[in-house]
């Protein structure tokens, strides 16, 4: 496949500065996270990878890089976030001043993620409000490009009148659609013919917006051979106001890989899931209250030194390196088809 033509703006100082900033941040992220995560996942997630067709990543926003590192062979990855889908930039048509502002904002956004391993909603909204980096799509495109993937197609997704989803060829738009809506990007790994898909849905998954008769619930309930992954999930799945998504995850997932911010440990124990613990459990950071799990702490203490350490760091305690992950494998008899109203 021939190399894409080089654009004139790639000689501009703003692009060169962004490229250098991104390369440095990526190199640090690769050392701190990706290298260890790749080796760890290749061993500890071998069974889950084989069983998984679709990776569901609630609250992940545009974080495709973590998803594709943990489950590189998933046929589909479904990312969920509150942020708008947005538009890809038309860099060739933009002014030099606009490009400078765009690359400055994108550089700050991705560098912050590569430092911590998660996005901060407030920071994302501040960047999006300036109107240059327009939603999640440019960030996903950055991760695809950085990994060397080739994009084969992009489609916009909207709920249809019958509760299904309508796919249309992607076109730039200034309209802000009502959530939920989404985008599908078909991409190809280097030197592979197989197409994979990443979906991003701008959505609210609190119960008041995410009911069993909603279009997004129906889409997620129909996914094939799902593993769910959650990290830095603001402990939302601890609360009854997010019980519909929690129940869907427990009913439909073959495996769940998560930190302590996701489905409370007791739900796996009560339903007889096989649970493996990794890392260290610590009291949640002070931004979150009433979400400590004494039963999970006890499980770590009882397992003691038999709990494997994690060779990478991410999540809310990335500064202290007190990371934890839980890999839960469902009982085979407990796989359910959710009731669609």
C-alpha atoms as a PDB file:
ATOM      1  CA  UNK A   1       0.000   0.000   0.000  1.00  0.00           C
ATOM      2  CA  UNK A   2       1.543   3.374  -0.986  1.00  0.00           C
ATOM      3  CA  UNK A   3       2.351   5.914   1.709  1.00  0.00           C
ATOM      4  CA  UNK A   4      -0.229   8.731   1.972  1.00  0.00           C
ATOM      5  CA  UNK A   5       0.804  11.997   0.392  1.00  0.00           C
ATOM      6  CA  UNK A   6       2.542  14.407   2.749  1.00  0.00           C
ATOM      7  CA  UNK A   7       0.597  17.586   3.489  1.00  0.00           C
ATOM      8  CA  UNK A   8       2.213  21.005   3.526  1.00  0.00           C
ATOM      9  CA  UNK A   9       1.119  21.646   7.129  1.00  0.00           C
ATOM     10  CA  UNK A  10       3.346  18.769   8.290  1.00  0.00           C
ATOM     11  CA  UNK A  11       6.266  21.162   7.884  1.00  0.00           C
ATOM     12  CA  UNK A  12       4.661  23.701  10.255  1.00  0.00           C
ATOM     13  CA  UNK A  13       6.091  24.259  13.723  1.00  0.00           C
ATOM     14  CA  UNK A  14       2.792  23.350  15.420  1.00  0.00           C
ATOM     15  CA  UNK A  15       2.748  19.880  13.860  1.00  0.00           C
ATOM     16  CA  UNK A  16       6.422  19.253  14.583  1.00  0.00           C
ATOM     17  CA  UNK A  17       5.940  20.327  18.220  1.00  0.00           C
ATOM     18  CA  UNK A  18       2.871  18.106  18.570  1.00  0.00           C
ATOM     19  CA  UNK A  19       4.617  15.141  16.981  1.00  0.00           C
ATOM     20  CA  UNK A  20       7.579  15.509  19.341  1.00  0.00           C
ATOM     21  CA  UNK A  21       5.334  15.957  22.385  1.00  0.00           C
ATOM     22  CA  UNK A  22       3.228  12.927  21.469  1.00  0.00           C
ATOM     23  CA  UNK A  23       6.284  10.782  20.753  1.00  0.00           C
ATOM     24  CA  UNK A  24       7.862  11.608  24.109  1.00  0.00           C
ATOM     25  CA  UNK A  25       4.628  11.023  26.045  1.00  0.00           C
ATOM     26  CA  UNK A  26       4.011   7.777  24.166  1.00  0.00           C
ATOM     27  CA  UNK A  27       7.503   6.511  24.906  1.00  0.00           C
ATOM     28  CA  UNK A  28       6.993   7.183  28.623  1.00  0.00           C
ATOM     29  CA  UNK A  29       3.566   5.501  28.523  1.00  0.00           C
ATOM     30  CA  UNK A  30       5.013   2.509  26.730  1.00  0.00           C
ATOM     31  CA  UNK A  31       7.668   2.124  29.426  1.00  0.00           C
ATOM     32  CA  UNK A  32       5.322   2.680  32.377  1.00  0.00           C
ATOM     33  CA  UNK A  33       2.233   0.851  31.088  1.00  0.00           C
ATOM     34  CA  UNK A  34       2.132  -0.729  27.655  1.00  0.00           C
ATOM     35  CA  UNK A  35       5.218  -2.920  27.827  1.00  0.00           C
ATOM     36  CA  UNK A  36       4.210  -4.539  31.097  1.00  0.00           C
ATOM     37  CA  UNK A  37       0.539  -4.663  30.168  1.00  0.00           C
ATOM     38  CA  UNK A  38       1.273  -6.417  26.881  1.00  0.00           C
ATOM     39  CA  UNK A  39       3.334  -9.124  28.573  1.00  0.00           C
ATOM     40  CA  UNK A  40       0.865  -9.525  31.461  1.00  0.00           C
ATOM     41  CA  UNK A  41      -2.196  -9.746  29.202  1.00  0.00           C
ATOM     42  CA  UNK A  42      -0.529 -12.263  26.918  1.00  0.00           C
ATOM     43  CA  UNK A  43      -0.295 -14.653  29.863  1.00  0.00           C
ATOM     44  CA  UNK A  44      -3.121 -13.817  32.277  1.00  0.00           C
ATOM     45  CA  UNK A  45      -5.809 -13.065  29.683  1.00  0.00           C
ATOM     46  CA  UNK A  46      -5.070 -15.954  27.343  1.00  0.00           C
ATOM     47  CA  UNK A  47      -8.361 -17.780  28.051  1.00  0.00           C
ATOM     48  CA  UNK A  48     -10.421 -14.596  28.037  1.00  0.00           C
ATOM     49  CA  UNK A  49      -8.895 -13.463  24.746  1.00  0.00           C
ATOM     50  CA  UNK A  50      -9.713 -16.767  23.099  1.00  0.00           C
ATOM     51  CA  UNK A  51     -13.334 -16.586  24.258  1.00  0.00           C
ATOM     52  CA  UNK A  52     -13.883 -12.901  23.447  1.00  0.00           C
ATOM     53  CA  UNK A  53     -15.421 -11.596  20.250  1.00  0.00           C
ATOM     54  CA  UNK A  54     -16.454  -8.178  21.606  1.00  0.00           C
ATOM     55  CA  UNK A  55     -14.808  -6.020  24.253  1.00  0.00           C
ATOM     56  CA  UNK A  56     -17.232  -3.694  26.046  1.00  0.00           C
ATOM     57  CA  UNK A  57     -15.532  -0.755  27.753  1.00  0.00           C
ATOM     58  CA  UNK A  58     -18.018   1.425  29.676  1.00  0.00           C
ATOM     59  CA  UNK A  59     -16.792   4.825  30.914  1.00  0.00           C
ATOM     60  CA  UNK A  60     -13.689   4.423  28.776  1.00  0.00           C
ATOM     61  CA  UNK A  61     -14.368   7.370  26.511  1.00  0.00           C
ATOM     62  CA  UNK A  62     -11.984   7.346  23.541  1.00  0.00           C
ATOM     63  CA  UNK A  63      -9.395   5.145  25.298  1.00  0.00           C
ATOM     64  CA  UNK A  64      -8.832   2.696  22.463  1.00  0.00           C
ATOM     65  CA  UNK A  65      -5.168   2.119  23.309  1.00  0.00           C
ATOM     66  CA  UNK A  66      -5.806   0.285  26.593  1.00  0.00           C
ATOM     67  CA  UNK A  67      -8.576  -1.793  25.037  1.00  0.00           C
ATOM     68  CA  UNK A  68      -6.488  -2.846  22.044  1.00  0.00           C
ATOM     69  CA  UNK A  69      -3.480  -3.653  24.218  1.00  0.00           C
ATOM     70  CA  UNK A  70      -5.456  -5.939  26.511  1.00  0.00           C
ATOM     71  CA  UNK A  71      -7.594  -7.528  23.771  1.00  0.00           C
ATOM     72  CA  UNK A  72      -5.802  -6.957  20.455  1.00  0.00           C
ATOM     73  CA  UNK A  73      -7.696  -9.694  18.623  1.00  0.00           C
ATOM     74  CA  UNK A  74     -11.247  -8.683  19.555  1.00  0.00           C
ATOM     75  CA  UNK A  75     -13.348  -8.343  16.414  1.00  0.00           C
ATOM     76  CA  UNK A  76     -15.156  -5.355  17.908  1.00  0.00           C
ATOM     77  CA  UNK A  77     -14.453  -2.891  20.701  1.00  0.00           C
ATOM     78  CA  UNK A  78     -17.337  -0.835  22.098  1.00  0.00           C
ATOM     79  CA  UNK A  79     -16.366   2.358  23.921  1.00  0.00           C
ATOM     80  CA  UNK A  80     -18.945   4.306  25.942  1.00  0.00           C
ATOM     81  CA  UNK A  81     -18.614   7.894  27.166  1.00  0.00           C
ATOM     82  CA  UNK A  82     -20.555  11.065  27.827  1.00  0.00           C
ATOM     83  CA  UNK A  83     -18.454  13.139  25.438  1.00  0.00           C
ATOM     84  CA  UNK A  84     -19.778  13.888  21.935  1.00  0.00           C
ATOM     85  CA  UNK A  85     -18.612  11.913  18.917  1.00  0.00           C
ATOM     86  CA  UNK A  86     -17.570  15.118  17.184  1.00  0.00           C
ATOM     87  CA  UNK A  87     -15.753  15.521  13.881  1.00  0.00           C
ATOM     88  CA  UNK A  88     -12.431  14.719  12.317  1.00  0.00           C
ATOM     89  CA  UNK A  89     -10.497  17.915  11.551  1.00  0.00           C
ATOM     90  CA  UNK A  90     -10.084  19.112   7.980  1.00  0.00           C
ATOM     91  CA  UNK A  91      -6.492  20.133   8.464  1.00  0.00           C
ATOM     92  CA  UNK A  92      -5.797  20.895   4.822  1.00  0.00           C
ATOM     93  CA  UNK A  93      -8.649  23.423   4.677  1.00  0.00           C
ATOM     94  CA  UNK A  94      -7.932  25.038   8.063  1.00  0.00           C
ATOM     95  CA  UNK A  95      -5.837  28.143   8.659  1.00  0.00           C
ATOM     96  CA  UNK A  96      -2.382  27.903  10.169  1.00  0.00           C
ATOM     97  CA  UNK A  97      -3.694  29.592  13.331  1.00  0.00           C
ATOM     98  CA  UNK A  98      -6.509  27.042  13.642  1.00  0.00           C
ATOM     99  CA  UNK A  99      -4.089  24.152  13.176  1.00  0.00           C
ATOM    100  CA  UNK A 100      -1.769  25.569  15.851  1.00  0.00           C
ATOM    101  CA  UNK A 101      -4.642  25.746  18.343  1.00  0.00           C
ATOM    102  CA  UNK A 102      -5.852  22.269  17.383  1.00  0.00           C
ATOM    103  CA  UNK A 103      -2.491  20.581  17.844  1.00  0.00           C
ATOM    104  CA  UNK A 104      -1.901  22.418  21.137  1.00  0.00           C
ATOM    105  CA  UNK A 105      -5.259  21.199  22.507  1.00  0.00           C
ATOM    106  CA  UNK A 106      -4.876  17.644  21.183  1.00  0.00           C
ATOM    107  CA  UNK A 107      -1.330  17.467  22.541  1.00  0.00           C
ATOM    108  CA  UNK A 108      -2.450  18.502  25.999  1.00  0.00           C
ATOM    109  CA  UNK A 109      -5.353  16.062  26.000  1.00  0.00           C
ATOM    110  CA  UNK A 110      -3.452  12.982  24.887  1.00  0.00           C
ATOM    111  CA  UNK A 111      -0.375  13.802  26.980  1.00  0.00           C
ATOM    112  CA  UNK A 112      -2.555  14.028  30.083  1.00  0.00           C
ATOM    113  CA  UNK A 113      -4.033  10.637  29.303  1.00  0.00           C
ATOM    114  CA  UNK A 114      -0.652   9.076  28.577  1.00  0.00           C
ATOM    115  CA  UNK A 115       0.636  10.381  31.909  1.00  0.00           C
ATOM    116  CA  UNK A 116      -2.259   9.037  34.023  1.00  0.00           C
ATOM    117  CA  UNK A 117      -3.812   6.289  31.910  1.00  0.00           C
ATOM    118  CA  UNK A 118      -7.295   7.813  32.045  1.00  0.00           C
ATOM    119  CA  UNK A 119      -9.129  10.915  30.878  1.00  0.00           C
ATOM    120  CA  UNK A 120     -10.456  13.571  33.263  1.00  0.00           C
ATOM    121  CA  UNK A 121     -13.944  14.600  32.151  1.00  0.00           C
ATOM    122  CA  UNK A 122     -13.485  18.213  33.238  1.00  0.00           C
ATOM    123  CA  UNK A 123     -10.309  18.578  31.185  1.00  0.00           C
ATOM    124  CA  UNK A 124     -11.918  16.961  28.148  1.00  0.00           C
ATOM    125  CA  UNK A 125     -14.889  19.317  28.340  1.00  0.00           C
ATOM    126  CA  UNK A 126     -12.592  22.331  28.615  1.00  0.00           C
ATOM    127  CA  UNK A 127     -10.718  21.269  25.493  1.00  0.00           C
ATOM    128  CA  UNK A 128     -13.896  20.464  23.571  1.00  0.00           C
ATOM    129  CA  UNK A 129     -15.460  23.809  24.535  1.00  0.00           C
ATOM    130  CA  UNK A 130     -12.710  25.638  22.646  1.00  0.00           C
ATOM    131  CA  UNK A 131     -13.987  24.043  19.447  1.00  0.00           C
ATOM    132  CA  UNK A 132     -10.789  22.777  17.864  1.00  0.00           C
ATOM    133  CA  UNK A 133     -10.605  19.178  19.108  1.00  0.00           C
ATOM    134  CA  UNK A 134     -14.220  18.301  18.392  1.00  0.00           C
ATOM    135  CA  UNK A 135     -15.258  15.348  20.530  1.00  0.00           C
ATOM    136  CA  UNK A 136     -13.941  11.803  20.900  1.00  0.00           C
ATOM    137  CA  UNK A 137     -13.374  11.048  17.224  1.00  0.00           C
ATOM    138  CA  UNK A 138     -10.076  12.956  16.797  1.00  0.00           C
ATOM    139  CA  UNK A 139      -8.677  11.244  19.916  1.00  0.00           C
ATOM    140  CA  UNK A 140      -9.632   7.773  18.658  1.00  0.00           C
ATOM    141  CA  UNK A 141      -8.079   8.694  15.314  1.00  0.00           C
ATOM    142  CA  UNK A 142      -4.855   9.637  17.124  1.00  0.00           C
ATOM    143  CA  UNK A 143      -4.689   6.241  18.827  1.00  0.00           C
ATOM    144  CA  UNK A 144      -5.380   4.413  15.570  1.00  0.00           C
ATOM    145  CA  UNK A 145      -2.707   6.391  13.752  1.00  0.00           C
ATOM    146  CA  UNK A 146      -0.173   6.025  16.539  1.00  0.00           C
ATOM    147  CA  UNK A 147      -0.612   2.237  16.448  1.00  0.00           C
ATOM    148  CA  UNK A 148      -0.185   2.180  12.679  1.00  0.00           C
ATOM    149  CA  UNK A 149      -3.692   0.948  11.898  1.00  0.00           C
ATOM    150  CA  UNK A 150      -5.237   1.594   8.482  1.00  0.00           C
ATOM    151  CA  UNK A 151      -8.812   2.916   8.524  1.00  0.00           C
ATOM    152  CA  UNK A 152     -11.112   1.242   6.004  1.00  0.00           C
ATOM    153  CA  UNK A 153     -14.367   3.077   6.706  1.00  0.00           C
ATOM    154  CA  UNK A 154     -16.266   5.335   9.092  1.00  0.00           C
ATOM    155  CA  UNK A 155     -20.026   5.323   9.678  1.00  0.00           C
ATOM    156  CA  UNK A 156     -22.285   7.457  11.849  1.00  0.00           C
ATOM    157  CA  UNK A 157     -24.857   5.605  13.963  1.00  0.00           C
ATOM    158  CA  UNK A 158     -28.235   6.874  15.139  1.00  0.00           C
ATOM    159  CA  UNK A 159     -31.216   5.102  16.718  1.00  0.00           C
ATOM    160  CA  UNK A 160     -33.896   4.330  14.184  1.00  0.00           C
ATOM    161  CA  UNK A 161     -37.652   4.666  14.714  1.00  0.00           C
ATOM    162  CA  UNK A 162     -38.027   0.938  15.326  1.00  0.00           C
ATOM    163  CA  UNK A 163     -35.392   0.769  18.052  1.00  0.00           C
ATOM    164  CA  UNK A 164     -32.642  -0.491  15.731  1.00  0.00           C
ATOM    165  CA  UNK A 165     -29.589   1.501  14.643  1.00  0.00           C
ATOM    166  CA  UNK A 166     -29.230   3.316  11.335  1.00  0.00           C
ATOM    167  CA  UNK A 167     -25.736   3.523   9.842  1.00  0.00           C
ATOM    168  CA  UNK A 168     -24.816   6.295   7.398  1.00  0.00           C
ATOM    169  CA  UNK A 169     -21.512   7.254   5.785  1.00  0.00           C
ATOM    170  CA  UNK A 170     -19.656   9.663   8.038  1.00  0.00           C
ATOM    171  CA  UNK A 171     -19.863  13.328   7.086  1.00  0.00           C
ATOM    172  CA  UNK A 172     -18.792  16.356   9.084  1.00  0.00           C
ATOM    173  CA  UNK A 173     -21.654  18.095  10.841  1.00  0.00           C
ATOM    174  CA  UNK A 174     -22.065  21.021  13.203  1.00  0.00           C
ATOM    175  CA  UNK A 175     -25.251  19.572  14.651  1.00  0.00           C
ATOM    176  CA  UNK A 176     -25.132  18.205  18.197  1.00  0.00           C
ATOM    177  CA  UNK A 177     -27.226  15.084  18.196  1.00  0.00           C
ATOM    178  CA  UNK A 178     -29.214  13.919  21.167  1.00  0.00           C
ATOM    179  CA  UNK A 179     -27.581  11.032  23.023  1.00  0.00           C
ATOM    180  CA  UNK A 180     -27.277   8.163  22.447  1.00  0.00           C
ATOM    181  CA  UNK A 181     -25.599   8.216  19.047  1.00  0.00           C
ATOM    182  CA  UNK A 182     -22.328   6.842  17.831  1.00  0.00           C
ATOM    183  CA  UNK A 183     -19.715   6.077  15.245  1.00  0.00           C
ATOM    184  CA  UNK A 184     -18.204   2.889  13.874  1.00  0.00           C
ATOM    185  CA  UNK A 185     -14.671   2.805  12.532  1.00  0.00           C
ATOM    186  CA  UNK A 186     -13.491  -0.218  10.582  1.00  0.00           C
ATOM    187  CA  UNK A 187      -9.735  -0.631  10.706  1.00  0.00           C
ATOM    188  CA  UNK A 188      -7.087  -3.099   9.802  1.00  0.00           C
ATOM    189  CA  UNK A 189      -3.995  -4.158  11.653  1.00  0.00           C
ATOM    190  CA  UNK A 190      -0.688  -3.779   9.846  1.00  0.00           C
ATOM    191  CA  UNK A 191      -0.071  -6.715   7.497  1.00  0.00           C
ATOM    192  CA  UNK A 192      -3.522  -8.241   8.172  1.00  0.00           C
ATOM    193  CA  UNK A 193      -6.514  -8.565   5.907  1.00  0.00           C
ATOM    194  CA  UNK A 194      -9.024  -8.964   8.746  1.00  0.00           C
ATOM    195  CA  UNK A 195     -11.150  -5.909   9.469  1.00  0.00           C
ATOM    196  CA  UNK A 196     -11.882  -4.980  13.065  1.00  0.00           C
ATOM    197  CA  UNK A 197     -14.340  -2.383  14.336  1.00  0.00           C
ATOM    198  CA  UNK A 198     -14.294   0.160  17.126  1.00  0.00           C
ATOM    199  CA  UNK A 199     -17.586   1.716  18.164  1.00  0.00           C
ATOM    200  CA  UNK A 200     -17.864   4.859  20.232  1.00  0.00           C
ATOM    201  CA  UNK A 201     -21.246   5.799  21.682  1.00  0.00           C
ATOM    202  CA  UNK A 202     -21.916   9.171  23.216  1.00  0.00           C
ATOM    203  CA  UNK A 203     -24.409   8.109  25.847  1.00  0.00           C
ATOM    204  CA  UNK A 204     -25.785   8.356  29.360  1.00  0.00           C
ATOM    205  CA  UNK A 205     -25.967   4.920  30.992  1.00  0.00           C
ATOM    206  CA  UNK A 206     -27.684   5.977  34.197  1.00  0.00           C
ATOM    207  CA  UNK A 207     -30.967   4.098  34.682  1.00  0.00           C
ATOM    208  CA  UNK A 208     -33.136   7.107  33.829  1.00  0.00           C
ATOM    209  CA  UNK A 209     -31.647   7.165  30.299  1.00  0.00           C
ATOM    210  CA  UNK A 210     -30.608   3.537  29.894  1.00  0.00           C
ATOM    211  CA  UNK A 211     -33.610   1.257  30.231  1.00  0.00           C
ATOM    212  CA  UNK A 212     -34.078  -2.283  28.844  1.00  0.00           C
ATOM    213  CA  UNK A 213     -36.274  -0.896  26.065  1.00  0.00           C
ATOM    214  CA  UNK A 214     -33.703   1.712  24.963  1.00  0.00           C
ATOM    215  CA  UNK A 215     -31.877   1.433  21.654  1.00  0.00           C
ATOM    216  CA  UNK A 216     -28.450   1.331  23.284  1.00  0.00           C
ATOM    217  CA  UNK A 217     -29.447  -1.421  25.723  1.00  0.00           C
ATOM    218  CA  UNK A 218     -30.730  -3.496  22.813  1.00  0.00           C
ATOM    219  CA  UNK A 219     -27.484  -2.982  20.932  1.00  0.00           C
ATOM    220  CA  UNK A 220     -25.309  -3.963  23.881  1.00  0.00           C
ATOM    221  CA  UNK A 221     -27.514  -6.936  24.765  1.00  0.00           C
ATOM    222  CA  UNK A 222     -27.030  -8.261  21.236  1.00  0.00           C
ATOM    223  CA  UNK A 223     -23.226  -8.203  21.283  1.00  0.00           C
ATOM    224  CA  UNK A 224     -21.479 -11.526  20.711  1.00  0.00           C
ATOM    225  CA  UNK A 225     -19.239 -13.234  23.275  1.00  0.00           C
ATOM    226  CA  UNK A 226     -18.573 -10.200  25.418  1.00  0.00           C
ATOM    227  CA  UNK A 227     -15.807  -9.433  27.859  1.00  0.00           C
ATOM    228  CA  UNK A 228     -16.356  -6.245  29.858  1.00  0.00           C
ATOM    229  CA  UNK A 229     -13.439  -4.076  30.912  1.00  0.00           C
ATOM    230  CA  UNK A 230     -13.719  -1.125  33.317  1.00  0.00           C
ATOM    231  CA  UNK A 231     -11.106   1.046  34.952  1.00  0.00           C
ATOM    232  CA  UNK A 232     -11.331   4.517  36.503  1.00  0.00           C
ATOM    233  CA  UNK A 233     -15.118   4.164  36.343  1.00  0.00           C
ATOM    234  CA  UNK A 234     -15.928   6.707  39.099  1.00  0.00           C
ATOM    235  CA  UNK A 235     -17.521   3.877  41.146  1.00  0.00           C
ATOM    236  CA  UNK A 236     -20.764   4.492  39.248  1.00  0.00           C
ATOM    237  CA  UNK A 237     -21.565   0.780  39.036  1.00  0.00           C
ATOM    238  CA  UNK A 238     -21.663   0.694  42.846  1.00  0.00           C
ATOM    239  CA  UNK A 239     -24.862   2.735  42.865  1.00  0.00           C
ATOM    240  CA  UNK A 240     -28.450   1.633  42.294  1.00  0.00           C
ATOM    241  CA  UNK A 241     -28.874   4.415  39.721  1.00  0.00           C
ATOM    242  CA  UNK A 242     -26.578   2.403  37.405  1.00  0.00           C
ATOM    243  CA  UNK A 243     -28.063  -1.003  38.207  1.00  0.00           C
ATOM    244  CA  UNK A 244     -29.352  -1.600  34.663  1.00  0.00           C
ATOM    245  CA  UNK A 245     -25.865  -1.488  33.168  1.00  0.00           C
ATOM    246  CA  UNK A 246     -24.487  -3.494  36.085  1.00  0.00           C
ATOM    247  CA  UNK A 247     -27.082  -6.190  35.529  1.00  0.00           C
ATOM    248  CA  UNK A 248     -26.407  -6.254  31.784  1.00  0.00           C
ATOM    249  CA  UNK A 249     -22.677  -6.722  32.445  1.00  0.00           C
ATOM    250  CA  UNK A 250     -23.330  -9.582  34.865  1.00  0.00           C
ATOM    251  CA  UNK A 251     -25.903 -11.225  32.599  1.00  0.00           C
ATOM    252  CA  UNK A 252     -23.983 -11.048  29.328  1.00  0.00           C
ATOM    253  CA  UNK A 253     -20.254 -11.025  30.032  1.00  0.00           C
ATOM    254  CA  UNK A 254     -18.180 -14.175  29.752  1.00  0.00           C
ATOM    255  CA  UNK A 255     -15.360 -12.418  31.609  1.00  0.00           C
ATOM    256  CA  UNK A 256     -15.108  -9.131  33.492  1.00  0.00           C
ATOM    257  CA  UNK A 257     -11.743  -7.410  33.880  1.00  0.00           C
ATOM    258  CA  UNK A 258     -11.926  -4.395  36.162  1.00  0.00           C
ATOM    259  CA  UNK A 259     -10.461  -2.353  38.965  1.00  0.00           C
ATOM    260  CA  UNK A 260     -12.370  -1.639  42.167  1.00  0.00           C
ATOM    261  CA  UNK A 261     -14.248   1.288  40.567  1.00  0.00           C
ATOM    262  CA  UNK A 262     -16.557  -1.073  38.655  1.00  0.00           C
ATOM    263  CA  UNK A 263     -18.964  -3.853  39.701  1.00  0.00           C
ATOM    264  CA  UNK A 264     -18.692  -4.428  43.482  1.00  0.00           C
ATOM    265  CA  UNK A 265     -16.879  -7.621  44.409  1.00  0.00           C
ATOM    266  CA  UNK A 266     -19.848  -9.059  46.295  1.00  0.00           C
ATOM    267  CA  UNK A 267     -21.869  -9.473  43.091  1.00  0.00           C
ATOM    268  CA  UNK A 268     -19.317 -11.890  41.683  1.00  0.00           C
ATOM    269  CA  UNK A 269     -19.100 -13.832  44.931  1.00  0.00           C
ATOM    270  CA  UNK A 270     -22.881 -14.070  45.315  1.00  0.00           C
ATOM    271  CA  UNK A 271     -23.256 -15.465  41.779  1.00  0.00           C
ATOM    272  CA  UNK A 272     -20.403 -17.938  42.015  1.00  0.00           C
ATOM    273  CA  UNK A 273     -18.001 -16.312  39.549  1.00  0.00           C
ATOM    274  CA  UNK A 274     -14.405 -17.525  39.559  1.00  0.00           C
ATOM    275  CA  UNK A 275     -12.367 -14.507  40.652  1.00  0.00           C
ATOM    276  CA  UNK A 276      -8.637 -13.860  40.370  1.00  0.00           C
ATOM    277  CA  UNK A 277      -7.058 -10.852  42.086  1.00  0.00           C
ATOM    278  CA  UNK A 278      -4.044  -8.847  40.972  1.00  0.00           C
ATOM    279  CA  UNK A 279      -2.106  -5.966  42.488  1.00  0.00           C
ATOM    280  CA  UNK A 280      -2.996  -4.337  45.793  1.00  0.00           C
ATOM    281  CA  UNK A 281      -6.258  -3.017  47.187  1.00  0.00           C
ATOM    282  CA  UNK A 282      -6.260   0.382  48.889  1.00  0.00           C
ATOM    283  CA  UNK A 283      -8.851   2.781  50.257  1.00  0.00           C
ATOM    284  CA  UNK A 284     -10.429   4.738  47.362  1.00  0.00           C
ATOM    285  CA  UNK A 285      -9.019   8.186  46.717  1.00  0.00           C
ATOM    286  CA  UNK A 286     -10.688  11.008  48.622  1.00  0.00           C
ATOM    287  CA  UNK A 287     -12.691  12.177  45.604  1.00  0.00           C
ATOM    288  CA  UNK A 288     -15.029   9.198  46.163  1.00  0.00           C
ATOM    289  CA  UNK A 289     -16.848   8.377  49.410  1.00  0.00           C
ATOM    290  CA  UNK A 290     -18.840   5.372  50.684  1.00  0.00           C
ATOM    291  CA  UNK A 291     -17.362   3.056  48.063  1.00  0.00           C
ATOM    292  CA  UNK A 292     -14.780   1.148  50.074  1.00  0.00           C
ATOM    293  CA  UNK A 293     -15.225  -2.629  49.856  1.00  0.00           C
ATOM    294  CA  UNK A 294     -14.313  -4.400  53.119  1.00  0.00           C
ATOM    295  CA  UNK A 295     -15.031  -7.804  51.546  1.00  0.00           C
ATOM    296  CA  UNK A 296     -12.618  -7.100  48.677  1.00  0.00           C
ATOM    297  CA  UNK A 297      -9.993  -5.852  51.129  1.00  0.00           C
ATOM    298  CA  UNK A 298     -10.483  -9.054  53.145  1.00  0.00           C
ATOM    299  CA  UNK A 299     -10.067 -11.178  50.017  1.00  0.00           C
ATOM    300  CA  UNK A 300      -6.741  -9.498  49.276  1.00  0.00           C
ATOM    301  CA  UNK A 301      -5.586  -9.886  52.876  1.00  0.00           C
ATOM    302  CA  UNK A 302      -6.552 -13.567  53.024  1.00  0.00           C
ATOM    303  CA  UNK A 303      -4.783 -14.288  49.734  1.00  0.00           C
ATOM    304  CA  UNK A 304      -1.708 -12.440  50.979  1.00  0.00           C
ATOM    305  CA  UNK A 305       1.474 -12.896  49.012  1.00  0.00           C
ATOM    306  CA  UNK A 306      -0.219 -15.260  46.556  1.00  0.00           C
ATOM    307  CA  UNK A 307      -1.822 -12.270  44.789  1.00  0.00           C
ATOM    308  CA  UNK A 308       0.338 -11.503  41.734  1.00  0.00           C
ATOM    309  CA  UNK A 309       1.659  -7.985  41.370  1.00  0.00           C
ATOM    310  CA  UNK A 310       0.838  -5.892  38.316  1.00  0.00           C
ATOM    311  CA  UNK A 311       3.782  -4.924  36.096  1.00  0.00           C
ATOM    312  CA  UNK A 312       2.096  -1.672  35.053  1.00  0.00           C
ATOM    313  CA  UNK A 313       0.280   1.237  36.660  1.00  0.00           C
ATOM    314  CA  UNK A 314      -2.881   3.109  35.790  1.00  0.00           C
ATOM    315  CA  UNK A 315      -6.079   4.335  37.400  1.00  0.00           C
ATOM    316  CA  UNK A 316      -6.793   6.842  40.123  1.00  0.00           C
ATOM    317  CA  UNK A 317      -3.780   5.766  42.203  1.00  0.00           C
ATOM    318  CA  UNK A 318      -1.258   5.993  39.393  1.00  0.00           C
ATOM    319  CA  UNK A 319       0.979   8.238  41.519  1.00  0.00           C
ATOM    320  CA  UNK A 320       1.145   5.766  44.413  1.00  0.00           C
ATOM    321  CA  UNK A 321       1.240   2.636  42.236  1.00  0.00           C
ATOM    322  CA  UNK A 322      -1.450   0.957  44.369  1.00  0.00           C
ATOM    323  CA  UNK A 323      -3.129  -0.652  41.398  1.00  0.00           C
ATOM    324  CA  UNK A 324      -5.660  -3.443  41.518  1.00  0.00           C
ATOM    325  CA  UNK A 325      -7.402  -5.582  38.919  1.00  0.00           C
ATOM    326  CA  UNK A 326      -9.935  -8.354  39.213  1.00  0.00           C
ATOM    327  CA  UNK A 327     -10.532 -10.946  36.501  1.00  0.00           C
ATOM    328  CA  UNK A 328     -13.868 -12.715  36.914  1.00  0.00           C
ATOM    329  CA  UNK A 329     -14.933 -15.742  34.881  1.00  0.00           C
ATOM    330  CA  UNK A 330     -18.650 -16.410  34.916  1.00  0.00           C
ATOM    331  CA  UNK A 331     -20.224 -19.762  35.812  1.00  0.00           C
ATOM    332  CA  UNK A 332     -21.251 -21.290  32.500  1.00  0.00           C
ATOM    333  CA  UNK A 333     -24.857 -21.811  33.608  1.00  0.00           C
ATOM    334  CA  UNK A 334     -25.246 -18.134  34.500  1.00  0.00           C
ATOM    335  CA  UNK A 335     -25.061 -16.701  30.959  1.00  0.00           C
ATOM    336  CA  UNK A 336     -28.397 -14.977  30.337  1.00  0.00           C
ATOM    337  CA  UNK A 337     -30.281 -13.220  27.600  1.00  0.00           C
ATOM    338  CA  UNK A 338     -31.651  -9.949  29.030  1.00  0.00           C
ATOM    339  CA  UNK A 339     -35.377  -9.347  28.714  1.00  0.00           C
ATOM    340  CA  UNK A 340     -36.082  -6.714  26.081  1.00  0.00           C
ATOM    341  CA  UNK A 341     -39.272  -4.789  26.629  1.00  0.00           C
END
